[in-house]
Structure formats: C-alpha cells, structure tokens
Amino acid sequence: MWLTDIQKIGVGLTTAGCFFLLLGVVTLFDTALLAFGNILFLAGLVLVIGHQRTLYFFARRQKIRGTICFLLGIVLILCRRPITGFIIEFCGIMALFGDFFSVIVSFLRSLPFIGPVLSSPYIAPTIDRLAGIRVLPI
C-alpha cells in the first residue's frame, strides 16, 4: 500500500475521532466524547498529511473563516458548551472540508454494496446536490 506506517496510524486516529464525534452526538452531545473525538481527529489529520501541510491547510486565506469556526467550536466544547460548540464546529468543517465531499461520494460509489445504492436514480440527484457535484442537464 502507498501509505507509510505513520499515515496508517493517522488514518486510524482520524477514523476513531470521527467515530467518537458521532458517538458524542448520538449520546446527546456528551462533552467528553466530543472533546476526545476532536483531539483524535486533529492528531490523525496531522499524522496523515504532516505538520507543515496541516498548518498550510488551516492557514490558507480562503479557509480562514472555516478555521476560526472549527477552532472556536472546539474551544466551546472544551468550555462545556457542547451544542453551541458543535454547531459552530460543524459550520467550520463544512467550510474547510466541503471541497472533498465530491471525492468522497465518487469513492463511495465505487464500493460494492454502497455504490449501487448511491447511484440509484432516486438517491443520486440528492447526493449529487449535497456533495456539490455538477451534472449536465442532458
């Protein structure tokens, strides 16, 4: 595989971070799970793309609003304001990682069981609209 061992650990940490964030939302915005998910997600992201690229990604001029919202959301979660913090953090995540949703949808459509569901004529237009995939009207 093309990933180094450090990057594989980073993918695991990022996945665990997303899992804990989801678990924190499911358990009615548990502060500890949300904070742990944020820490794991950021640590995994740094291990996957490196320190320099992570800093460059968050400090880009086009992404500064998303970075501020994301970091403000994490601070609010750590200050025991989980619902407000998560809403602001989610807005930051959408601003920062919104460009990747089309890539994620394309990858999911290539998977054996999920792909046919996402490509069905009833679901595909909605998923394309949410992911920002431009489809010609013909």
N, C-alpha and C. Protein backbone atom coordinates (compact mmCIF):
# COMPACT_ATOMS: atom_id res chain seq x y z
N MET A 1 0.84 -1.18 0.00
CA MET A 1 0.00 0.00 0.00
C MET A 1 0.88 1.24 0.00
N TRP A 2 0.35 2.36 -0.45
CA TRP A 2 1.14 3.56 -0.61
C TRP A 2 1.25 4.40 0.65
N LEU A 3 0.61 4.00 1.74
CA LEU A 3 0.69 4.75 2.99
C LEU A 3 1.85 4.26 3.84
N THR A 4 2.53 5.18 4.50
CA THR A 4 3.56 4.78 5.45
C THR A 4 2.89 4.31 6.74
N ASP A 5 3.68 3.76 7.64
CA ASP A 5 3.11 3.28 8.90
C ASP A 5 2.53 4.43 9.73
N ILE A 6 3.20 5.57 9.73
CA ILE A 6 2.70 6.74 10.46
C ILE A 6 1.36 7.19 9.88
N GLN A 7 1.25 7.19 8.55
CA GLN A 7 0.00 7.60 7.91
C GLN A 7 -1.12 6.60 8.19
N LYS A 8 -0.79 5.33 8.28
CA LYS A 8 -1.80 4.33 8.63
C LYS A 8 -2.33 4.56 10.04
N ILE A 9 -1.44 4.90 10.96
CA ILE A 9 -1.86 5.23 12.33
C ILE A 9 -2.74 6.48 12.29
N GLY A 10 -2.36 7.46 11.46
CA GLY A 10 -3.15 8.68 11.32
C GLY A 10 -4.54 8.42 10.79
N VAL A 11 -4.66 7.51 9.83
CA VAL A 11 -5.98 7.15 9.30
C VAL A 11 -6.81 6.51 10.41
N GLY A 12 -6.19 5.65 11.21
CA GLY A 12 -6.89 5.04 12.33
C GLY A 12 -7.35 6.06 13.36
N LEU A 13 -6.48 7.02 13.68
CA LEU A 13 -6.85 8.06 14.64
C LEU A 13 -7.96 8.96 14.09
N THR A 14 -7.88 9.29 12.81
CA THR A 14 -8.91 10.12 12.21
C THR A 14 -10.25 9.39 12.20
N THR A 15 -10.23 8.11 11.88
CA THR A 15 -11.45 7.31 11.89
C THR A 15 -12.02 7.21 13.30
N ALA A 16 -11.15 6.98 14.27
CA ALA A 16 -11.60 6.91 15.67
C ALA A 16 -12.16 8.27 16.11
N GLY A 17 -11.54 9.36 15.68
CA GLY A 17 -12.04 10.68 16.01
C GLY A 17 -13.43 10.92 15.45
N CYS A 18 -13.65 10.53 14.19
CA CYS A 18 -14.98 10.66 13.59
C CYS A 18 -15.99 9.79 14.33
N PHE A 19 -15.57 8.58 14.73
CA PHE A 19 -16.45 7.70 15.48
C PHE A 19 -16.84 8.30 16.82
N PHE A 20 -15.87 8.86 17.54
CA PHE A 20 -16.18 9.47 18.83
C PHE A 20 -17.02 10.74 18.68
N LEU A 21 -16.81 11.49 17.61
CA LEU A 21 -17.67 12.65 17.35
C LEU A 21 -19.11 12.20 17.11
N LEU A 22 -19.27 11.16 16.30
CA LEU A 22 -20.60 10.62 16.04
C LEU A 22 -21.22 10.08 17.32
N LEU A 23 -20.44 9.37 18.11
CA LEU A 23 -20.92 8.84 19.38
C LEU A 23 -21.29 9.97 20.34
N GLY A 24 -20.53 11.05 20.33
CA GLY A 24 -20.84 12.19 21.18
C GLY A 24 -22.14 12.87 20.79
N VAL A 25 -22.44 12.90 19.49
CA VAL A 25 -23.70 13.48 19.05
C VAL A 25 -24.87 12.55 19.39
N VAL A 26 -24.66 11.24 19.20
CA VAL A 26 -25.72 10.27 19.48
C VAL A 26 -26.06 10.25 20.97
N THR A 27 -25.08 10.45 21.83
CA THR A 27 -25.32 10.47 23.28
C THR A 27 -25.70 11.86 23.77
N LEU A 28 -26.38 12.60 22.90
CA LEU A 28 -26.90 13.92 23.24
C LEU A 28 -25.80 14.91 23.65
N PHE A 29 -24.80 15.00 22.81
CA PHE A 29 -23.72 15.98 22.93
C PHE A 29 -22.95 15.84 24.24
N ASP A 30 -22.44 14.64 24.46
CA ASP A 30 -21.58 14.40 25.60
C ASP A 30 -20.26 15.13 25.38
N THR A 31 -19.91 15.99 26.30
CA THR A 31 -18.74 16.85 26.15
C THR A 31 -17.44 16.05 26.06
N ALA A 32 -17.31 15.02 26.89
CA ALA A 32 -16.07 14.23 26.90
C ALA A 32 -15.86 13.50 25.58
N LEU A 33 -16.91 12.90 25.03
CA LEU A 33 -16.77 12.19 23.76
C LEU A 33 -16.49 13.15 22.61
N LEU A 34 -17.13 14.29 22.61
CA LEU A 34 -16.86 15.28 21.55
C LEU A 34 -15.44 15.81 21.64
N ALA A 35 -14.97 16.10 22.84
CA ALA A 35 -13.60 16.60 23.00
C ALA A 35 -12.58 15.54 22.60
N PHE A 36 -12.82 14.30 23.02
CA PHE A 36 -11.91 13.21 22.66
C PHE A 36 -11.91 12.98 21.15
N GLY A 37 -13.08 13.07 20.53
CA GLY A 37 -13.17 12.93 19.08
C GLY A 37 -12.42 14.02 18.36
N ASN A 38 -12.52 15.25 18.84
CA ASN A 38 -11.79 16.36 18.22
C ASN A 38 -10.29 16.18 18.32
N ILE A 39 -9.82 15.76 19.48
CA ILE A 39 -8.38 15.56 19.68
C ILE A 39 -7.87 14.46 18.77
N LEU A 40 -8.59 13.34 18.71
CA LEU A 40 -8.17 12.23 17.84
C LEU A 40 -8.21 12.64 16.37
N PHE A 41 -9.24 13.37 15.97
CA PHE A 41 -9.36 13.79 14.58
C PHE A 41 -8.19 14.68 14.18
N LEU A 42 -7.87 15.67 15.01
CA LEU A 42 -6.76 16.58 14.69
C LEU A 42 -5.42 15.86 14.70
N ALA A 43 -5.21 14.96 15.67
CA ALA A 43 -3.96 14.21 15.73
C ALA A 43 -3.82 13.31 14.50
N GLY A 44 -4.90 12.68 14.10
CA GLY A 44 -4.86 11.82 12.92
C GLY A 44 -4.61 12.61 11.65
N LEU A 45 -5.21 13.78 11.55
CA LEU A 45 -5.01 14.62 10.38
C LEU A 45 -3.55 15.04 10.26
N VAL A 46 -2.94 15.40 11.39
CA VAL A 46 -1.53 15.79 11.39
C VAL A 46 -0.65 14.62 10.97
N LEU A 47 -0.97 13.42 11.44
CA LEU A 47 -0.16 12.25 11.08
C LEU A 47 -0.35 11.86 9.62
N VAL A 48 -1.51 12.06 9.06
CA VAL A 48 -1.76 11.66 7.67
C VAL A 48 -1.08 12.62 6.70
N ILE A 49 -1.26 13.93 6.88
CA ILE A 49 -0.72 14.85 5.89
C ILE A 49 0.53 15.60 6.35
N GLY A 50 0.91 15.47 7.60
CA GLY A 50 2.13 16.10 8.09
C GLY A 50 1.87 17.44 8.75
N HIS A 51 2.83 17.88 9.55
CA HIS A 51 2.70 19.12 10.30
C HIS A 51 2.61 20.34 9.38
N GLN A 52 3.51 20.41 8.42
CA GLN A 52 3.62 21.56 7.54
C GLN A 52 2.36 21.73 6.69
N ARG A 53 1.89 20.63 6.09
CA ARG A 53 0.71 20.70 5.25
C ARG A 53 -0.56 20.98 6.06
N THR A 54 -0.62 20.47 7.29
CA THR A 54 -1.77 20.74 8.14
C THR A 54 -1.84 22.22 8.47
N LEU A 55 -0.71 22.80 8.83
CA LEU A 55 -0.65 24.23 9.12
C LEU A 55 -1.02 25.05 7.89
N TYR A 56 -0.50 24.64 6.74
CA TYR A 56 -0.81 25.35 5.50
C TYR A 56 -2.29 25.22 5.16
N PHE A 57 -2.87 24.04 5.37
CA PHE A 57 -4.29 23.82 5.07
C PHE A 57 -5.19 24.72 5.90
N PHE A 58 -4.91 24.79 7.21
CA PHE A 58 -5.76 25.59 8.09
C PHE A 58 -5.48 27.09 7.98
N ALA A 59 -4.31 27.48 7.49
CA ALA A 59 -3.94 28.89 7.44
C ALA A 59 -4.17 29.53 6.07
N ARG A 60 -4.71 28.79 5.12
CA ARG A 60 -4.96 29.37 3.80
C ARG A 60 -5.98 30.50 3.90
N ARG A 61 -5.80 31.49 3.08
CA ARG A 61 -6.65 32.68 3.11
C ARG A 61 -8.12 32.34 2.81
N GLN A 62 -8.36 31.40 1.89
CA GLN A 62 -9.72 31.03 1.52
C GLN A 62 -10.42 30.25 2.63
N LYS A 63 -9.67 29.62 3.51
CA LYS A 63 -10.23 28.74 4.53
C LYS A 63 -10.19 29.35 5.94
N ILE A 64 -9.88 30.63 6.06
CA ILE A 64 -9.68 31.21 7.40
C ILE A 64 -10.98 31.26 8.20
N ARG A 65 -12.12 31.52 7.55
CA ARG A 65 -13.40 31.51 8.27
C ARG A 65 -13.72 30.12 8.80
N GLY A 66 -13.48 29.12 7.98
CA GLY A 66 -13.70 27.74 8.42
C GLY A 66 -12.79 27.35 9.57
N THR A 67 -11.54 27.80 9.51
CA THR A 67 -10.59 27.51 10.58
C THR A 67 -11.02 28.17 11.89
N ILE A 68 -11.46 29.42 11.80
CA ILE A 68 -11.90 30.12 13.01
C ILE A 68 -13.12 29.44 13.60
N CYS A 69 -14.09 29.09 12.77
CA CYS A 69 -15.29 28.41 13.28
C CYS A 69 -14.94 27.05 13.88
N PHE A 70 -14.07 26.30 13.21
CA PHE A 70 -13.68 24.98 13.69
C PHE A 70 -13.00 25.08 15.05
N LEU A 71 -12.02 25.97 15.17
CA LEU A 71 -11.30 26.11 16.43
C LEU A 71 -12.18 26.71 17.53
N LEU A 72 -13.04 27.65 17.18
CA LEU A 72 -13.97 28.21 18.16
C LEU A 72 -14.94 27.15 18.67
N GLY A 73 -15.38 26.27 17.77
CA GLY A 73 -16.25 25.18 18.19
C GLY A 73 -15.56 24.23 19.14
N ILE A 74 -14.30 23.91 18.88
CA ILE A 74 -13.55 23.04 19.78
C ILE A 74 -13.38 23.70 21.15
N VAL A 75 -13.07 25.00 21.16
CA VAL A 75 -12.91 25.72 22.43
C VAL A 75 -14.24 25.72 23.20
N LEU A 76 -15.34 25.95 22.52
CA LEU A 76 -16.64 25.95 23.19
C LEU A 76 -16.99 24.57 23.75
N ILE A 77 -16.64 23.53 23.02
CA ILE A 77 -16.87 22.17 23.53
C ILE A 77 -16.04 21.94 24.78
N LEU A 78 -14.79 22.37 24.77
CA LEU A 78 -13.94 22.20 25.93
C LEU A 78 -14.39 23.06 27.11
N CYS A 79 -15.12 24.16 26.83
CA CYS A 79 -15.65 25.03 27.89
C CYS A 79 -17.05 24.60 28.32
N ARG A 80 -17.44 23.40 28.02
CA ARG A 80 -18.72 22.82 28.43
C ARG A 80 -19.94 23.48 27.78
N ARG A 81 -19.82 23.85 26.53
CA ARG A 81 -20.93 24.34 25.73
C ARG A 81 -21.03 23.45 24.48
N PRO A 82 -21.41 22.18 24.67
CA PRO A 82 -21.28 21.22 23.56
C PRO A 82 -22.21 21.47 22.38
N ILE A 83 -23.44 21.87 22.59
CA ILE A 83 -24.36 22.03 21.48
C ILE A 83 -23.96 23.23 20.61
N THR A 84 -23.74 24.36 21.24
CA THR A 84 -23.31 25.54 20.50
C THR A 84 -21.95 25.30 19.84
N GLY A 85 -21.04 24.69 20.56
CA GLY A 85 -19.72 24.40 20.02
C GLY A 85 -19.77 23.47 18.83
N PHE A 86 -20.61 22.44 18.90
CA PHE A 86 -20.68 21.50 17.79
C PHE A 86 -21.31 22.14 16.57
N ILE A 87 -22.31 22.97 16.76
CA ILE A 87 -22.93 23.64 15.61
C ILE A 87 -21.92 24.55 14.91
N ILE A 88 -21.17 25.33 15.69
CA ILE A 88 -20.16 26.20 15.11
C ILE A 88 -19.04 25.39 14.48
N GLU A 89 -18.63 24.32 15.16
CA GLU A 89 -17.59 23.45 14.62
C GLU A 89 -18.04 22.79 13.32
N PHE A 90 -19.29 22.37 13.25
CA PHE A 90 -19.82 21.75 12.04
C PHE A 90 -19.80 22.73 10.87
N CYS A 91 -20.14 23.99 11.13
CA CYS A 91 -20.06 25.01 10.08
C CYS A 91 -18.62 25.16 9.60
N GLY A 92 -17.67 25.11 10.53
CA GLY A 92 -16.25 25.18 10.16
C GLY A 92 -15.81 23.97 9.36
N ILE A 93 -16.29 22.79 9.74
CA ILE A 93 -15.95 21.57 9.00
C ILE A 93 -16.49 21.65 7.57
N MET A 94 -17.71 22.15 7.42
CA MET A 94 -18.28 22.28 6.08
C MET A 94 -17.48 23.27 5.23
N ALA A 95 -17.03 24.35 5.85
CA ALA A 95 -16.24 25.34 5.12
C ALA A 95 -14.85 24.80 4.77
N LEU A 96 -14.26 24.04 5.68
CA LEU A 96 -12.91 23.52 5.45
C LEU A 96 -12.88 22.32 4.52
N PHE A 97 -13.76 21.37 4.75
CA PHE A 97 -13.69 20.09 4.04
C PHE A 97 -14.80 19.92 3.01
N GLY A 98 -15.55 20.96 2.71
CA GLY A 98 -16.64 20.86 1.75
C GLY A 98 -16.18 20.49 0.35
N ASP A 99 -14.97 20.87 -0.01
CA ASP A 99 -14.44 20.55 -1.34
C ASP A 99 -14.21 19.06 -1.53
N PHE A 100 -14.04 18.32 -0.43
CA PHE A 100 -13.71 16.90 -0.51
C PHE A 100 -14.94 16.01 -0.63
N PHE A 101 -16.14 16.56 -0.45
CA PHE A 101 -17.33 15.72 -0.45
C PHE A 101 -17.57 15.06 -1.79
N SER A 102 -17.27 15.75 -2.88
CA SER A 102 -17.46 15.14 -4.19
C SER A 102 -16.49 13.97 -4.39
N VAL A 103 -15.29 14.09 -3.87
CA VAL A 103 -14.32 12.99 -3.95
C VAL A 103 -14.78 11.81 -3.10
N ILE A 104 -15.32 12.10 -1.93
CA ILE A 104 -15.81 11.05 -1.04
C ILE A 104 -16.98 10.31 -1.68
N VAL A 105 -17.91 11.07 -2.28
CA VAL A 105 -19.06 10.44 -2.93
C VAL A 105 -18.61 9.58 -4.10
N SER A 106 -17.67 10.05 -4.88
CA SER A 106 -17.15 9.26 -6.00
C SER A 106 -16.50 7.97 -5.51
N PHE A 107 -15.77 8.06 -4.41
CA PHE A 107 -15.16 6.85 -3.84
C PHE A 107 -16.22 5.89 -3.33
N LEU A 108 -17.23 6.41 -2.62
CA LEU A 108 -18.27 5.54 -2.09
C LEU A 108 -19.07 4.87 -3.20
N ARG A 109 -19.22 5.53 -4.34
CA ARG A 109 -19.93 4.92 -5.47
C ARG A 109 -19.15 3.78 -6.11
N SER A 110 -17.86 3.70 -5.85
CA SER A 110 -17.07 2.60 -6.40
C SER A 110 -17.06 1.37 -5.49
N LEU A 111 -17.63 1.49 -4.29
CA LEU A 111 -17.68 0.36 -3.37
C LEU A 111 -18.80 -0.59 -3.76
N PRO A 112 -18.64 -1.90 -3.46
CA PRO A 112 -19.60 -2.89 -3.94
C PRO A 112 -21.03 -2.73 -3.43
N PHE A 113 -21.25 -2.54 -2.15
CA PHE A 113 -22.61 -2.53 -1.64
C PHE A 113 -23.21 -1.13 -1.57
N ILE A 114 -22.37 -0.14 -1.28
CA ILE A 114 -22.85 1.22 -1.14
C ILE A 114 -23.03 1.89 -2.50
N GLY A 115 -22.18 1.54 -3.45
CA GLY A 115 -22.19 2.18 -4.77
C GLY A 115 -23.51 2.11 -5.51
N PRO A 116 -24.10 0.92 -5.65
CA PRO A 116 -25.38 0.85 -6.35
C PRO A 116 -26.49 1.64 -5.65
N VAL A 117 -26.45 1.72 -4.34
CA VAL A 117 -27.47 2.49 -3.61
C VAL A 117 -27.30 3.97 -3.91
N LEU A 118 -26.05 4.47 -3.85
CA LEU A 118 -25.81 5.89 -4.10
C LEU A 118 -26.00 6.27 -5.56
N SER A 119 -25.94 5.29 -6.47
CA SER A 119 -26.10 5.57 -7.89
C SER A 119 -27.53 5.36 -8.37
N SER A 120 -28.42 4.94 -7.49
CA SER A 120 -29.81 4.71 -7.91
C SER A 120 -30.44 6.03 -8.34
N PRO A 121 -31.38 5.97 -9.28
CA PRO A 121 -31.95 7.21 -9.82
C PRO A 121 -32.75 8.03 -8.81
N TYR A 122 -33.17 7.41 -7.72
CA TYR A 122 -33.93 8.14 -6.72
C TYR A 122 -33.04 8.88 -5.72
N ILE A 123 -31.87 8.32 -5.45
CA ILE A 123 -30.98 8.88 -4.43
C ILE A 123 -29.87 9.74 -5.05
N ALA A 124 -29.41 9.39 -6.23
CA ALA A 124 -28.26 10.05 -6.85
C ALA A 124 -28.42 11.57 -7.00
N PRO A 125 -29.57 12.09 -7.45
CA PRO A 125 -29.66 13.57 -7.58
C PRO A 125 -29.53 14.30 -6.25
N THR A 126 -30.08 13.74 -5.20
CA THR A 126 -29.99 14.37 -3.89
C THR A 126 -28.55 14.35 -3.37
N ILE A 127 -27.89 13.21 -3.51
CA ILE A 127 -26.49 13.09 -3.07
C ILE A 127 -25.61 14.03 -3.89
N ASP A 128 -25.84 14.10 -5.19
CA ASP A 128 -25.05 15.00 -6.03
C ASP A 128 -25.24 16.46 -5.63
N ARG A 129 -26.46 16.83 -5.31
CA ARG A 129 -26.74 18.21 -4.90
C ARG A 129 -26.07 18.53 -3.57
N LEU A 130 -26.12 17.59 -2.62
CA LEU A 130 -25.50 17.81 -1.32
C LEU A 130 -23.98 17.86 -1.41
N ALA A 131 -23.41 17.03 -2.28
CA ALA A 131 -21.96 16.97 -2.41
C ALA A 131 -21.41 18.07 -3.32
N GLY A 132 -22.30 18.76 -4.03
CA GLY A 132 -21.84 19.81 -4.92
C GLY A 132 -21.30 19.30 -6.24
N ILE A 133 -21.75 18.12 -6.65
CA ILE A 133 -21.31 17.56 -7.92
C ILE A 133 -22.17 18.16 -9.01
N ARG A 134 -21.51 18.74 -10.00
CA ARG A 134 -22.22 19.35 -11.11
C ARG A 134 -22.52 18.28 -12.16
N VAL A 135 -23.79 18.19 -12.54
CA VAL A 135 -24.21 17.22 -13.55
C VAL A 135 -24.87 18.00 -14.68
N LEU A 136 -24.51 17.64 -15.90
CA LEU A 136 -25.12 18.30 -17.04
C LEU A 136 -26.60 17.93 -17.14
N PRO A 137 -27.44 18.84 -17.59
CA PRO A 137 -28.88 18.57 -17.62
C PRO A 137 -29.29 17.58 -18.68
N ILE A 138 -28.42 17.13 -19.53
CA ILE A 138 -28.76 16.20 -20.59
C ILE A 138 -28.61 14.78 -20.13
